[in-house]
Amino acid sequence: MADVLAEFTKAGFPIVLDGGMAYEFFIPVRPGDTLVSTAKVTDIYERAGRAGTSLFGTIETTYVNQNGDIVAKGQATLIGRPLG
């Protein structure tokens, strides 16, 4: 996540806001399970609005248990704003 925030800053959008999160659950997590998460950037785009241009980024995180089963997926949206 820190890499994504650094890229927003390098692109001229140092103010980053939380645009929301959504989760989809597939199977229950049980006591003793070991989970591993993997995140990837799935979309980046600019959009003009009343307050100027904003940069949007979507990050998808997949959670897998010790058996290789996908337990859940999360999708986070970040909104980058320029200074001033």
N, C-alpha and C. Protein backbone atom coordinates (compact mmCIF):
# COMPACT_ATOMS: atom_id res chain seq x y z
N MET A 1 0.83 -1.19 0.00
CA MET A 1 0.00 0.00 0.00
C MET A 1 0.87 1.25 0.00
N ALA A 2 1.99 1.21 0.71
CA ALA A 2 2.88 2.37 0.76
C ALA A 2 3.41 2.71 -0.62
N ASP A 3 3.65 1.69 -1.45
CA ASP A 3 4.12 1.93 -2.82
C ASP A 3 3.08 2.68 -3.63
N VAL A 4 1.83 2.32 -3.45
CA VAL A 4 0.74 2.98 -4.19
C VAL A 4 0.63 4.44 -3.76
N LEU A 5 0.72 4.69 -2.45
CA LEU A 5 0.65 6.07 -1.96
C LEU A 5 1.81 6.90 -2.48
N ALA A 6 2.99 6.31 -2.56
CA ALA A 6 4.15 7.02 -3.11
C ALA A 6 3.93 7.35 -4.58
N GLU A 7 3.33 6.45 -5.32
CA GLU A 7 3.06 6.70 -6.75
C GLU A 7 2.03 7.81 -6.93
N PHE A 8 1.04 7.88 -6.06
CA PHE A 8 0.06 8.98 -6.12
C PHE A 8 0.78 10.31 -5.94
N THR A 9 1.69 10.37 -4.97
CA THR A 9 2.45 11.60 -4.70
C THR A 9 3.31 11.97 -5.89
N LYS A 10 4.01 10.99 -6.46
CA LYS A 10 4.86 11.26 -7.64
C LYS A 10 4.05 11.75 -8.82
N ALA A 11 2.80 11.31 -8.93
CA ALA A 11 1.93 11.72 -10.03
C ALA A 11 1.31 13.09 -9.80
N GLY A 12 1.60 13.72 -8.64
CA GLY A 12 1.08 15.06 -8.37
C GLY A 12 -0.19 15.08 -7.55
N PHE A 13 -0.52 13.96 -6.90
CA PHE A 13 -1.73 13.86 -6.08
C PHE A 13 -1.36 13.43 -4.66
N PRO A 14 -0.72 14.34 -3.87
CA PRO A 14 -0.21 13.95 -2.56
C PRO A 14 -1.27 13.76 -1.47
N ILE A 15 -2.47 14.28 -1.69
CA ILE A 15 -3.54 14.10 -0.71
C ILE A 15 -4.33 12.86 -1.13
N VAL A 16 -4.35 11.85 -0.27
CA VAL A 16 -5.04 10.59 -0.61
C VAL A 16 -6.17 10.37 0.38
N LEU A 17 -7.36 10.16 -0.16
CA LEU A 17 -8.56 9.94 0.65
C LEU A 17 -9.04 8.49 0.49
N ASP A 18 -9.74 8.01 1.50
CA ASP A 18 -10.33 6.67 1.46
C ASP A 18 -11.63 6.75 0.67
N GLY A 19 -11.68 6.08 -0.45
CA GLY A 19 -12.87 6.09 -1.29
C GLY A 19 -13.83 4.96 -1.00
N GLY A 20 -13.51 4.15 0.01
CA GLY A 20 -14.42 3.06 0.40
C GLY A 20 -13.81 1.69 0.19
N MET A 21 -14.40 0.72 0.86
CA MET A 21 -13.96 -0.66 0.77
C MET A 21 -15.18 -1.56 0.63
N ALA A 22 -14.99 -2.65 -0.09
CA ALA A 22 -16.05 -3.65 -0.22
C ALA A 22 -15.41 -5.03 -0.08
N TYR A 23 -16.11 -5.94 0.58
CA TYR A 23 -15.60 -7.30 0.77
C TYR A 23 -16.60 -8.32 0.26
N GLU A 24 -16.06 -9.41 -0.25
CA GLU A 24 -16.86 -10.56 -0.64
C GLU A 24 -16.27 -11.77 0.08
N PHE A 25 -17.12 -12.49 0.82
CA PHE A 25 -16.67 -13.63 1.62
C PHE A 25 -17.13 -14.93 0.96
N PHE A 26 -16.23 -15.92 0.92
CA PHE A 26 -16.53 -17.17 0.24
C PHE A 26 -16.71 -18.34 1.19
N ILE A 27 -15.81 -18.51 2.16
CA ILE A 27 -15.93 -19.58 3.14
C ILE A 27 -15.56 -19.03 4.51
N PRO A 28 -16.07 -19.67 5.58
CA PRO A 28 -15.76 -19.18 6.93
C PRO A 28 -14.29 -19.38 7.29
N VAL A 29 -13.79 -18.47 8.12
CA VAL A 29 -12.46 -18.62 8.71
C VAL A 29 -12.66 -19.33 10.04
N ARG A 30 -11.86 -20.35 10.27
CA ARG A 30 -11.97 -21.17 11.48
C ARG A 30 -10.79 -20.91 12.41
N PRO A 31 -10.96 -21.13 13.72
CA PRO A 31 -9.82 -21.01 14.64
C PRO A 31 -8.68 -21.92 14.18
N GLY A 32 -7.48 -21.38 14.18
CA GLY A 32 -6.31 -22.15 13.74
C GLY A 32 -5.96 -21.96 12.28
N ASP A 33 -6.86 -21.36 11.49
CA ASP A 33 -6.55 -21.10 10.08
C ASP A 33 -5.39 -20.11 9.98
N THR A 34 -4.61 -20.27 8.94
CA THR A 34 -3.54 -19.33 8.61
C THR A 34 -3.93 -18.67 7.30
N LEU A 35 -4.00 -17.35 7.31
CA LEU A 35 -4.39 -16.60 6.12
C LEU A 35 -3.20 -15.85 5.53
N VAL A 36 -3.17 -15.81 4.22
CA VAL A 36 -2.17 -15.05 3.49
C VAL A 36 -2.92 -14.12 2.56
N SER A 37 -2.49 -12.86 2.50
CA SER A 37 -3.15 -11.89 1.62
C SER A 37 -2.19 -11.46 0.52
N THR A 38 -2.77 -11.23 -0.65
CA THR A 38 -2.03 -10.74 -1.80
C THR A 38 -2.82 -9.59 -2.39
N ALA A 39 -2.15 -8.45 -2.58
CA ALA A 39 -2.82 -7.26 -3.10
C ALA A 39 -2.26 -6.90 -4.47
N LYS A 40 -3.14 -6.36 -5.33
CA LYS A 40 -2.70 -5.87 -6.63
C LYS A 40 -3.56 -4.68 -7.03
N VAL A 41 -2.95 -3.79 -7.78
CA VAL A 41 -3.66 -2.64 -8.32
C VAL A 41 -4.42 -3.12 -9.55
N THR A 42 -5.72 -2.90 -9.55
CA THR A 42 -6.54 -3.37 -10.67
C THR A 42 -7.02 -2.26 -11.60
N ASP A 43 -6.93 -1.00 -11.14
CA ASP A 43 -7.37 0.10 -12.01
C ASP A 43 -6.82 1.42 -11.49
N ILE A 44 -6.44 2.30 -12.40
CA ILE A 44 -6.04 3.67 -12.09
C ILE A 44 -6.61 4.57 -13.19
N TYR A 45 -7.29 5.64 -12.78
CA TYR A 45 -7.85 6.55 -13.77
C TYR A 45 -8.03 7.93 -13.17
N GLU A 46 -8.08 8.95 -14.03
CA GLU A 46 -8.33 10.32 -13.61
C GLU A 46 -9.77 10.68 -13.95
N ARG A 47 -10.32 11.55 -13.11
CA ARG A 47 -11.68 12.03 -13.39
C ARG A 47 -11.78 13.49 -12.99
N ALA A 48 -12.35 14.30 -13.86
CA ALA A 48 -12.54 15.72 -13.57
C ALA A 48 -13.86 15.90 -12.83
N GLY A 49 -13.83 16.77 -11.84
CA GLY A 49 -15.04 17.07 -11.07
C GLY A 49 -15.09 18.55 -10.74
N ARG A 50 -16.04 18.92 -9.91
CA ARG A 50 -16.20 20.34 -9.53
C ARG A 50 -14.97 20.90 -8.86
N ALA A 51 -14.26 20.07 -8.09
CA ALA A 51 -13.09 20.54 -7.35
C ALA A 51 -11.79 20.33 -8.13
N GLY A 52 -11.87 19.96 -9.38
CA GLY A 52 -10.68 19.72 -10.19
C GLY A 52 -10.51 18.25 -10.52
N THR A 53 -9.33 17.91 -11.00
CA THR A 53 -9.05 16.53 -11.40
C THR A 53 -8.61 15.71 -10.19
N SER A 54 -9.13 14.50 -10.09
CA SER A 54 -8.75 13.56 -9.04
C SER A 54 -8.23 12.28 -9.69
N LEU A 55 -7.35 11.60 -8.97
CA LEU A 55 -6.80 10.33 -9.43
C LEU A 55 -7.43 9.23 -8.58
N PHE A 56 -7.99 8.22 -9.22
CA PHE A 56 -8.63 7.11 -8.53
C PHE A 56 -7.81 5.85 -8.73
N GLY A 57 -7.65 5.08 -7.68
CA GLY A 57 -6.95 3.81 -7.77
C GLY A 57 -7.75 2.74 -7.05
N THR A 58 -7.81 1.55 -7.66
CA THR A 58 -8.51 0.43 -7.05
C THR A 58 -7.51 -0.67 -6.75
N ILE A 59 -7.55 -1.17 -5.52
CA ILE A 59 -6.65 -2.23 -5.08
C ILE A 59 -7.49 -3.42 -4.66
N GLU A 60 -7.20 -4.59 -5.23
CA GLU A 60 -7.91 -5.81 -4.85
C GLU A 60 -6.99 -6.68 -4.01
N THR A 61 -7.50 -7.13 -2.86
CA THR A 61 -6.75 -8.00 -1.96
C THR A 61 -7.46 -9.33 -1.87
N THR A 62 -6.72 -10.42 -2.09
CA THR A 62 -7.27 -11.78 -2.00
C THR A 62 -6.70 -12.45 -0.76
N TYR A 63 -7.57 -13.07 0.02
CA TYR A 63 -7.19 -13.76 1.25
C TYR A 63 -7.35 -15.27 1.03
N VAL A 64 -6.27 -16.02 1.25
CA VAL A 64 -6.26 -17.46 1.02
C VAL A 64 -5.88 -18.17 2.31
N ASN A 65 -6.54 -19.31 2.60
CA ASN A 65 -6.19 -20.07 3.81
C ASN A 65 -5.07 -21.08 3.52
N GLN A 66 -4.70 -21.83 4.54
CA GLN A 66 -3.59 -22.77 4.44
C GLN A 66 -3.85 -23.90 3.44
N ASN A 67 -5.10 -24.10 3.04
CA ASN A 67 -5.43 -25.14 2.06
C ASN A 67 -5.45 -24.60 0.63
N GLY A 68 -5.19 -23.30 0.47
CA GLY A 68 -5.23 -22.69 -0.85
C GLY A 68 -6.61 -22.23 -1.26
N ASP A 69 -7.57 -22.30 -0.34
CA ASP A 69 -8.94 -21.86 -0.63
C ASP A 69 -9.05 -20.35 -0.48
N ILE A 70 -9.72 -19.71 -1.43
CA ILE A 70 -9.97 -18.27 -1.31
C ILE A 70 -11.04 -18.06 -0.26
N VAL A 71 -10.70 -17.34 0.79
CA VAL A 71 -11.60 -17.07 1.90
C VAL A 71 -12.40 -15.80 1.63
N ALA A 72 -11.73 -14.78 1.11
CA ALA A 72 -12.39 -13.49 0.88
C ALA A 72 -11.60 -12.68 -0.12
N LYS A 73 -12.28 -11.69 -0.69
CA LYS A 73 -11.63 -10.70 -1.54
C LYS A 73 -12.11 -9.33 -1.08
N GLY A 74 -11.19 -8.38 -1.06
CA GLY A 74 -11.52 -7.01 -0.70
C GLY A 74 -11.14 -6.07 -1.82
N GLN A 75 -11.91 -5.02 -1.97
CA GLN A 75 -11.62 -4.01 -2.98
C GLN A 75 -11.63 -2.65 -2.32
N ALA A 76 -10.49 -1.95 -2.39
CA ALA A 76 -10.35 -0.62 -1.79
C ALA A 76 -10.18 0.41 -2.90
N THR A 77 -10.81 1.56 -2.73
CA THR A 77 -10.67 2.66 -3.67
C THR A 77 -9.97 3.81 -2.97
N LEU A 78 -8.91 4.32 -3.60
CA LEU A 78 -8.19 5.49 -3.10
C LEU A 78 -8.45 6.65 -4.04
N ILE A 79 -8.58 7.84 -3.47
CA ILE A 79 -8.83 9.04 -4.27
C ILE A 79 -7.68 10.02 -3.99
N GLY A 80 -6.93 10.35 -5.02
CA GLY A 80 -5.82 11.30 -4.90
C GLY A 80 -6.24 12.68 -5.34
N ARG A 81 -5.84 13.68 -4.55
CA ARG A 81 -6.16 15.07 -4.86
C ARG A 81 -4.87 15.87 -4.92
N PRO A 82 -4.78 16.85 -5.82
CA PRO A 82 -3.59 17.72 -5.84
C PRO A 82 -3.63 18.72 -4.70
N LEU A 83 -2.49 19.28 -4.37
CA LEU A 83 -2.45 20.35 -3.36
C LEU A 83 -3.10 21.59 -3.91
N GLY A 84 -3.77 22.31 -3.02
CA GLY A 84 -4.34 23.60 -3.42
C GLY A 84 -5.57 23.46 -4.13
